[in-house]
């Protein structure tokens, strides 16, 4: 059995830390924006309906960047796109804080969404490359850095709100720290992408393996989107939680999603991707059903803990597998799978709202539980997932 030398191990670790830094930077910028949405809404005097329309600019920018991201990474490489998008992402964050009119805010959010997805596809392409160096699953730990950054960004946002710091000055601090981190980390990321055969077409229909991965991502992101947007509402209206306990379900979900990502790679190496995806889908469905069938505070928190653990590894594993596509370069394959999954993220929240309006929130969460079962079913049926 071949073993790597200390120098080789050190080199791999440097790449891993540098790429992990970019995952963290993306997460903290996004969480910083999310933590100040209520402040910005109040400053600009936006109603809930007006805010909903403004927020639509972000996913529109993200959606339009999907084909551009794959093409750009295939042409110039993920490193250049990662550095460019990282600078643009943090700079646009400041533009959001500086916005003084609805039009300016919409334009800033559009660019923020566009840059965010460019960064998402390029950093995951880098993650696939570092994973190839290690010759084992490490993608979930990268996504764990994104989740950890989410907690950090939320904590900083809470501190800034408590101290009465304006979003513009808050975002200036995040931009400055991001610039410093990018200047250092960009020297140590991969300069070439794995599996980047220039003869591979940039625009091609995904093969069955990528479609299977995209469908799994689609169902998983329906669950994620639902939890992000509706967990607080569920705890307030169904569980009857009061005060700080309204956010207990979301906190439980985020804690296990972040924590499980740091151990998911070990389980994947031990049991294989297919079994982990099957277990993930079953955990997600079980957690949601516990919250539906036993709508009490502690049982619902337990259920949401299960859901967080269930969804944690799905997207990282899907991205890892997509990056190894034999018919597309990593960036293009990741963009293809992300496109399918993204529609799930958009569909989840309104799907819950529509079903809840016609029936009840408990029934809508039961439907989302079925999406978790769908993840397990597609992973079981697919012959291309090992």
Protein backbone atom coordinates (compact mmCIF):
# COMPACT_ATOMS: atom_id res chain seq x y z
CA UNK A 1 0.00 0.00 0.00
CA UNK A 2 1.41 3.41 -1.01
CA UNK A 3 1.64 6.09 1.65
CA UNK A 4 2.17 9.80 1.12
CA UNK A 5 5.27 11.54 2.44
CA UNK A 6 5.08 14.21 5.19
CA UNK A 7 5.65 16.89 2.53
CA UNK A 8 2.78 15.56 0.42
CA UNK A 9 0.48 15.39 3.44
CA UNK A 10 1.43 18.96 4.34
CA UNK A 11 0.68 20.12 0.79
CA UNK A 12 -2.74 18.47 0.83
CA UNK A 13 -3.55 20.03 4.19
CA UNK A 14 -2.62 23.50 2.91
CA UNK A 15 -4.98 23.10 -0.05
CA UNK A 16 -7.71 21.83 2.24
CA UNK A 17 -7.39 24.74 4.66
CA UNK A 18 -7.26 27.32 1.85
CA UNK A 19 -10.34 25.97 0.08
CA UNK A 20 -12.14 25.56 3.42
CA UNK A 21 -11.45 29.24 4.05
CA UNK A 22 -13.41 30.16 0.91
CA UNK A 23 -16.36 28.02 2.03
CA UNK A 24 -16.28 29.91 5.33
CA UNK A 25 -16.10 33.29 3.58
CA UNK A 26 -19.12 32.50 1.45
CA UNK A 27 -21.09 31.34 4.47
CA UNK A 28 -20.29 34.36 6.63
CA UNK A 29 -21.21 36.83 3.88
CA UNK A 30 -24.55 35.14 3.32
CA UNK A 31 -25.28 34.89 7.06
CA UNK A 32 -24.31 38.54 7.56
CA UNK A 33 -26.90 39.59 4.99
CA UNK A 34 -29.52 37.28 6.46
CA UNK A 35 -28.97 38.60 9.99
CA UNK A 36 -29.69 42.19 8.93
CA UNK A 37 -32.79 41.66 6.75
CA UNK A 38 -35.18 42.92 9.48
CA UNK A 39 -33.00 46.03 10.01
CA UNK A 40 -32.88 46.81 6.31
CA UNK A 41 -36.63 46.25 5.99
CA UNK A 42 -37.24 48.71 8.82
CA UNK A 43 -34.79 51.31 7.50
CA UNK A 44 -36.35 51.26 4.04
CA UNK A 45 -39.93 51.08 5.30
CA UNK A 46 -40.79 47.93 3.36
CA UNK A 47 -43.94 45.95 4.04
CA UNK A 48 -43.79 42.15 4.14
CA UNK A 49 -45.18 41.97 0.61
CA UNK A 50 -42.69 44.56 -0.66
CA UNK A 51 -39.82 42.77 1.07
CA UNK A 52 -40.89 39.49 -0.54
CA UNK A 53 -40.72 41.09 -3.96
CA UNK A 54 -37.30 42.61 -3.24
CA UNK A 55 -35.91 39.30 -1.97
CA UNK A 56 -36.88 37.64 -5.24
CA UNK A 57 -33.97 39.44 -6.91
CA UNK A 58 -31.44 37.20 -5.16
CA UNK A 59 -32.65 33.82 -6.50
CA UNK A 60 -33.16 35.39 -9.94
CA UNK A 61 -29.50 36.40 -9.99
CA UNK A 62 -28.53 32.96 -8.76
CA UNK A 63 -30.60 31.21 -11.43
CA UNK A 64 -29.19 33.30 -14.29
CA UNK A 65 -25.62 32.61 -13.13
CA UNK A 66 -25.98 28.81 -13.31
CA UNK A 67 -25.10 28.35 -17.02
CA UNK A 68 -22.52 31.15 -16.86
CA UNK A 69 -20.71 29.55 -13.91
CA UNK A 70 -20.18 26.20 -15.61
CA UNK A 71 -19.03 27.80 -18.86
CA UNK A 72 -16.64 30.25 -17.16
CA UNK A 73 -15.03 27.61 -14.95
CA UNK A 74 -14.57 25.29 -17.94
CA UNK A 75 -12.90 28.10 -19.90
CA UNK A 76 -10.64 29.83 -17.34
CA UNK A 77 -10.55 27.47 -14.37
CA UNK A 78 -12.16 27.53 -10.93
CA UNK A 79 -9.33 29.44 -9.21
CA UNK A 80 -9.79 32.62 -11.23
CA UNK A 81 -13.58 32.49 -10.92
CA UNK A 82 -13.33 31.79 -7.18
CA UNK A 83 -11.12 34.81 -6.51
CA UNK A 84 -13.23 37.08 -8.72
CA UNK A 85 -16.55 35.93 -7.27
CA UNK A 86 -15.24 36.03 -3.69
CA UNK A 87 -14.25 39.69 -4.08
CA UNK A 88 -17.50 40.54 -5.88
CA UNK A 89 -19.63 38.73 -3.29
CA UNK A 90 -18.21 40.57 -0.28
CA UNK A 91 -18.17 43.90 -2.14
CA UNK A 92 -21.81 43.53 -3.15
CA UNK A 93 -22.64 42.90 0.51
CA UNK A 94 -21.49 46.46 1.21
CA UNK A 95 -23.59 47.70 -1.74
CA UNK A 96 -26.63 46.11 -0.07
CA UNK A 97 -25.91 48.01 3.13
CA UNK A 98 -25.35 51.23 1.19
CA UNK A 99 -28.63 50.98 -0.77
CA UNK A 100 -30.94 53.91 -0.16
CA UNK A 101 -33.78 52.98 -2.51
CA UNK A 102 -35.69 49.85 -3.43
CA UNK A 103 -34.22 49.90 -6.95
CA UNK A 104 -30.66 50.01 -5.59
CA UNK A 105 -31.42 47.19 -3.17
CA UNK A 106 -32.92 45.01 -5.90
CA UNK A 107 -29.90 45.57 -8.15
CA UNK A 108 -27.48 44.80 -5.32
CA UNK A 109 -29.35 41.62 -4.38
CA UNK A 110 -29.38 40.47 -8.01
CA UNK A 111 -25.59 40.82 -8.22
CA UNK A 112 -25.25 39.24 -4.76
CA UNK A 113 -27.16 36.17 -5.93
CA UNK A 114 -25.20 36.03 -9.19
CA UNK A 115 -21.82 36.31 -7.44
CA UNK A 116 -22.87 33.90 -4.71
CA UNK A 117 -23.59 31.11 -7.14
CA UNK A 118 -20.40 31.77 -9.12
CA UNK A 119 -18.57 31.34 -5.83
CA UNK A 120 -20.63 28.26 -4.94
CA UNK A 121 -19.84 26.39 -8.16
CA UNK A 122 -16.17 27.43 -8.25
CA UNK A 123 -15.47 26.59 -4.60
CA UNK A 124 -17.15 23.20 -4.97
CA UNK A 125 -15.03 22.56 -8.08
CA UNK A 126 -12.00 23.31 -5.91
CA UNK A 127 -13.42 20.98 -3.25
CA UNK A 128 -13.67 18.17 -5.80
CA UNK A 129 -10.02 18.75 -6.70
CA UNK A 130 -8.81 18.62 -3.10
CA UNK A 131 -10.92 15.52 -2.51
CA UNK A 132 -9.17 13.93 -5.48
CA UNK A 133 -5.81 14.61 -3.80
CA UNK A 134 -6.97 12.88 -0.63
CA UNK A 135 -8.58 10.00 -2.56
CA UNK A 136 -11.37 9.87 0.01
CA UNK A 137 -14.58 11.68 0.89
CA UNK A 138 -13.95 15.11 2.50
CA UNK A 139 -16.63 17.22 0.79
CA UNK A 140 -19.06 17.18 3.73
CA UNK A 141 -16.45 18.77 6.00
CA UNK A 142 -16.09 21.62 3.51
CA UNK A 143 -19.82 22.22 3.68
CA UNK A 144 -19.49 22.03 7.45
CA UNK A 145 -17.27 25.11 7.23
CA UNK A 146 -20.10 26.90 5.41
CA UNK A 147 -22.52 25.94 8.17
CA UNK A 148 -20.05 26.98 10.88
CA UNK A 149 -19.72 30.34 9.12
CA UNK A 150 -23.49 30.65 9.26
CA UNK A 151 -23.42 30.48 13.06
CA UNK A 152 -20.50 32.91 13.17
CA UNK A 153 -22.21 35.37 10.85
CA UNK A 154 -25.45 35.18 12.82
CA UNK A 155 -23.58 35.77 16.09
CA UNK A 156 -21.74 38.80 14.66
CA UNK A 157 -25.03 40.12 13.28
CA UNK A 158 -26.68 39.77 16.70
CA UNK A 159 -23.78 41.66 18.28
CA UNK A 160 -23.96 44.42 15.67
CA UNK A 161 -27.72 44.82 16.17
CA UNK A 162 -27.24 44.95 19.93
CA UNK A 163 -24.62 47.69 19.56
CA UNK A 164 -26.74 49.65 17.09
CA UNK A 165 -24.21 49.32 14.25
CA UNK A 166 -25.69 50.14 10.83
CA UNK A 167 -25.69 47.34 8.21
CA UNK A 168 -23.36 49.38 5.99
CA UNK A 169 -20.61 49.54 8.64
CA UNK A 170 -21.25 45.92 9.65
CA UNK A 171 -20.84 44.79 6.04
CA UNK A 172 -17.73 46.96 5.59
CA UNK A 173 -16.08 44.97 8.37
CA UNK A 174 -17.02 41.65 6.74
CA UNK A 175 -15.74 42.89 3.37
CA UNK A 176 -12.40 43.99 4.84
CA UNK A 177 -11.89 40.65 6.62
CA UNK A 178 -12.88 38.82 3.41
CA UNK A 179 -10.37 40.79 1.34
CA UNK A 180 -7.57 39.89 3.75
CA UNK A 181 -8.56 36.22 3.81
CA UNK A 182 -8.86 36.05 0.01
CA UNK A 183 -5.44 37.68 -0.43
CA UNK A 184 -3.87 34.99 1.76
CA UNK A 185 -5.93 31.90 0.87
CA UNK A 186 -5.93 32.47 -2.91
CA UNK A 187 -2.18 31.77 -2.98
CA UNK A 188 -2.78 28.21 -1.80
CA UNK A 189 -5.86 26.99 -3.69
CA UNK A 190 -5.54 24.59 -6.62
CA UNK A 191 -4.35 26.20 -9.85
CA UNK A 192 -5.77 23.47 -12.07
CA UNK A 193 -9.03 21.55 -11.95
CA UNK A 194 -9.26 17.77 -11.99
CA UNK A 195 -10.97 16.07 -14.90
CA UNK A 196 -10.85 19.35 -16.85
CA UNK A 197 -10.46 17.88 -20.33
CA UNK A 198 -10.75 20.77 -22.80
CA UNK A 199 -12.19 18.36 -25.38
CA UNK A 200 -15.29 17.83 -23.24
CA UNK A 201 -18.24 19.89 -24.46
CA UNK A 202 -19.38 22.77 -22.30
CA UNK A 203 -23.04 22.47 -23.26
CA UNK A 204 -24.30 18.88 -23.25
CA UNK A 205 -27.28 17.03 -21.85
CA UNK A 206 -26.51 15.46 -18.46
CA UNK A 207 -26.26 11.68 -18.53
CA UNK A 208 -28.40 9.42 -16.33
CA UNK A 209 -25.94 9.49 -13.44
CA UNK A 210 -26.05 13.30 -13.26
CA UNK A 211 -29.83 13.34 -13.61
CA UNK A 212 -30.12 10.89 -10.70
CA UNK A 213 -27.84 13.11 -8.61
CA UNK A 214 -29.84 16.19 -9.60
CA UNK A 215 -33.12 14.53 -8.61
CA UNK A 216 -31.70 13.55 -5.21
CA UNK A 217 -30.47 17.12 -4.77
CA UNK A 218 -33.91 18.41 -5.79
CA UNK A 219 -35.76 16.41 -3.13
CA UNK A 220 -33.17 17.18 -0.43
CA UNK A 221 -33.29 20.91 -1.14
CA UNK A 222 -37.07 20.94 -0.96
CA UNK A 223 -36.61 19.73 2.62
CA UNK A 224 -33.86 22.27 3.32
CA UNK A 225 -35.82 25.19 1.89
CA UNK A 226 -38.87 24.19 3.91
CA UNK A 227 -36.89 24.02 7.14
CA UNK A 228 -35.18 27.37 6.58
CA UNK A 229 -38.42 29.24 5.94
CA UNK A 230 -41.09 27.38 7.90
CA UNK A 231 -39.53 25.86 11.01
CA UNK A 232 -40.26 28.95 13.13
CA UNK A 233 -43.82 29.17 11.84
CA UNK A 234 -44.38 25.48 12.60
CA UNK A 235 -43.13 25.87 16.17
CA UNK A 236 -45.29 28.92 16.74
CA UNK A 237 -48.55 27.77 15.18
CA UNK A 238 -48.47 23.97 15.58
CA UNK A 239 -46.23 23.37 18.59
CA UNK A 240 -47.48 26.50 20.37
CA UNK A 241 -43.99 27.60 21.39
CA UNK A 242 -43.54 31.02 22.90
CA UNK A 243 -40.73 33.56 23.01
CA UNK A 244 -37.26 32.22 22.31
CA UNK A 245 -38.61 28.68 21.94
CA UNK A 246 -40.13 29.62 18.57
CA UNK A 247 -36.63 29.39 17.10
CA UNK A 248 -35.73 26.17 18.94
CA UNK A 249 -36.60 23.94 16.00
CA UNK A 250 -34.53 25.95 13.53
CA UNK A 251 -31.60 26.03 15.97
CA UNK A 252 -31.83 22.27 16.49
CA UNK A 253 -31.95 21.71 12.73
CA UNK A 254 -28.93 23.97 12.09
CA UNK A 255 -26.87 22.44 14.92
CA UNK A 256 -27.15 18.87 13.70
CA UNK A 257 -26.81 19.88 10.06
CA UNK A 258 -23.52 21.66 10.81
CA UNK A 259 -22.21 19.09 13.28
CA UNK A 260 -23.04 16.03 11.20
CA UNK A 261 -21.20 17.44 8.20
CA UNK A 262 -17.91 17.15 10.09
CA UNK A 263 -18.41 13.41 10.65
CA UNK A 264 -20.35 12.51 7.48
CA UNK A 265 -17.17 11.91 5.46
CA UNK A 266 -16.04 9.21 7.90
CA UNK A 267 -19.41 7.47 7.69
CA UNK A 268 -19.32 7.71 3.89
CA UNK A 269 -15.89 6.08 3.73
CA UNK A 270 -17.09 3.41 6.16
CA UNK A 271 -20.47 2.56 4.65
CA UNK A 272 -20.45 3.99 1.11
CA UNK A 273 -22.33 6.85 -0.53
CA UNK A 274 -25.47 4.90 -1.35
CA UNK A 275 -26.08 3.74 2.21
CA UNK A 276 -25.46 7.22 3.60
CA UNK A 277 -27.94 8.75 1.13
CA UNK A 278 -30.48 6.07 2.06
CA UNK A 279 -29.97 6.75 5.77
CA UNK A 280 -30.12 10.50 5.17
CA UNK A 281 -33.48 10.27 3.44
CA UNK A 282 -34.90 8.02 6.15
CA UNK A 283 -33.60 10.29 8.94
CA UNK A 284 -35.16 13.33 7.27
CA UNK A 285 -38.53 11.61 6.85
CA UNK A 286 -38.47 10.16 10.38
CA UNK A 287 -37.67 13.54 11.94
CA UNK A 288 -40.48 15.30 10.12
CA UNK A 289 -42.97 12.56 10.98
CA UNK A 290 -41.99 12.74 14.66
CA UNK A 291 -42.70 16.48 14.62
CA UNK A 292 -46.03 15.86 12.85
CA UNK A 293 -47.28 12.88 14.88
CA UNK A 294 -46.00 14.15 18.24
CA UNK A 295 -46.48 17.94 18.06
CA UNK A 296 -45.00 18.79 21.46
CA UNK A 297 -41.99 20.98 22.20
CA UNK A 298 -39.38 18.37 23.09
CA UNK A 299 -40.48 15.72 20.61
CA UNK A 300 -40.58 18.33 17.82
CA UNK A 301 -37.07 19.51 18.74
CA UNK A 302 -35.92 15.86 18.60
CA UNK A 303 -37.55 15.51 15.20
CA UNK A 304 -35.86 18.62 13.86
CA UNK A 305 -32.51 17.34 15.17
CA UNK A 306 -33.07 14.24 13.02
CA UNK A 307 -33.97 16.36 9.99
CA UNK A 308 -30.76 18.39 10.32
CA UNK A 309 -28.67 15.23 10.49
CA UNK A 310 -30.62 13.79 7.57
CA UNK A 311 -30.13 16.64 5.10
CA UNK A 312 -26.55 17.46 6.17
CA UNK A 313 -24.64 15.08 3.90
CA UNK A 314 -26.88 14.89 0.85
CA UNK A 315 -25.82 18.01 -1.08
CA UNK A 316 -22.06 17.58 -0.31
CA UNK A 317 -22.14 13.95 -1.45
CA UNK A 318 -24.12 14.80 -4.58
CA UNK A 319 -21.66 17.59 -5.46
CA UNK A 320 -18.72 15.28 -4.84
CA UNK A 321 -20.14 12.64 -7.17
CA UNK A 322 -21.11 15.21 -9.82
CA UNK A 323 -17.55 16.57 -9.87
CA UNK A 324 -16.33 13.14 -10.95
CA UNK A 325 -18.54 13.08 -14.06
CA UNK A 326 -17.04 11.32 -17.07
CA UNK A 327 -19.00 13.36 -19.63
CA UNK A 328 -18.63 16.91 -18.26
CA UNK A 329 -15.94 18.99 -16.64
CA UNK A 330 -16.47 19.43 -12.86
CA UNK A 331 -17.74 23.02 -13.08
CA UNK A 332 -20.29 22.23 -15.78
CA UNK A 333 -21.46 19.06 -14.01
CA UNK A 334 -21.85 20.91 -10.72
CA UNK A 335 -23.81 23.67 -12.44
CA UNK A 336 -26.12 21.09 -14.04
CA UNK A 337 -26.85 19.34 -10.74
CA UNK A 338 -27.18 22.66 -8.91
CA UNK A 339 -29.74 23.85 -11.45
CA UNK A 340 -32.00 20.88 -10.75
CA UNK A 341 -31.48 21.13 -6.99
CA UNK A 342 -32.05 24.88 -6.93
CA UNK A 343 -35.60 24.48 -8.20
CA UNK A 344 -36.24 22.24 -5.20
CA UNK A 345 -34.97 24.95 -2.87
CA UNK A 346 -37.35 27.44 -4.50
CA UNK A 347 -40.27 25.01 -4.60
CA UNK A 348 -40.14 23.84 -0.96
CA UNK A 349 -41.32 26.99 0.89
CA UNK A 350 -44.23 27.88 -1.43
CA UNK A 351 -45.25 24.21 -1.59
CA UNK A 352 -45.66 24.17 2.18
CA UNK A 353 -47.61 27.43 2.05
CA UNK A 354 -49.95 26.17 -0.66
CA UNK A 355 -50.65 22.84 1.05
CA UNK A 356 -50.98 24.47 4.47
CA UNK A 357 -53.47 26.97 3.06
CA UNK A 358 -55.59 24.15 1.63
CA UNK A 359 -55.22 21.76 4.58
CA UNK A 360 -52.86 22.36 7.52
CA UNK A 361 -49.19 22.84 8.36
CA UNK A 362 -48.98 19.31 9.76
CA UNK A 363 -50.14 17.84 6.48
CA UNK A 364 -47.73 20.01 4.50
CA UNK A 365 -44.83 18.80 6.68
CA UNK A 366 -45.99 15.23 6.04
CA UNK A 367 -45.65 15.90 2.32
CA UNK A 368 -42.11 17.21 2.89
CA UNK A 369 -41.37 13.99 4.80
CA UNK A 370 -42.25 12.14 1.60
CA UNK A 371 -39.47 14.10 -0.12
CA UNK A 372 -37.02 12.63 2.37
CA UNK A 373 -38.25 9.15 1.49
CA UNK A 374 -37.79 10.07 -2.18
CA UNK A 375 -34.08 10.77 -1.53
CA UNK A 376 -33.67 7.25 -0.13
CA UNK A 377 -35.73 5.72 -2.95
CA UNK A 378 -33.77 7.35 -5.80
CA UNK A 379 -30.45 6.49 -4.12
CA UNK A 380 -31.59 2.87 -3.83
CA UNK A 381 -32.86 2.65 -7.40
CA UNK A 382 -29.92 4.37 -9.08
CA UNK A 383 -27.30 1.98 -10.42
CA UNK A 384 -24.74 4.76 -10.81
CA UNK A 385 -24.48 5.65 -7.11
CA UNK A 386 -21.97 3.52 -5.26
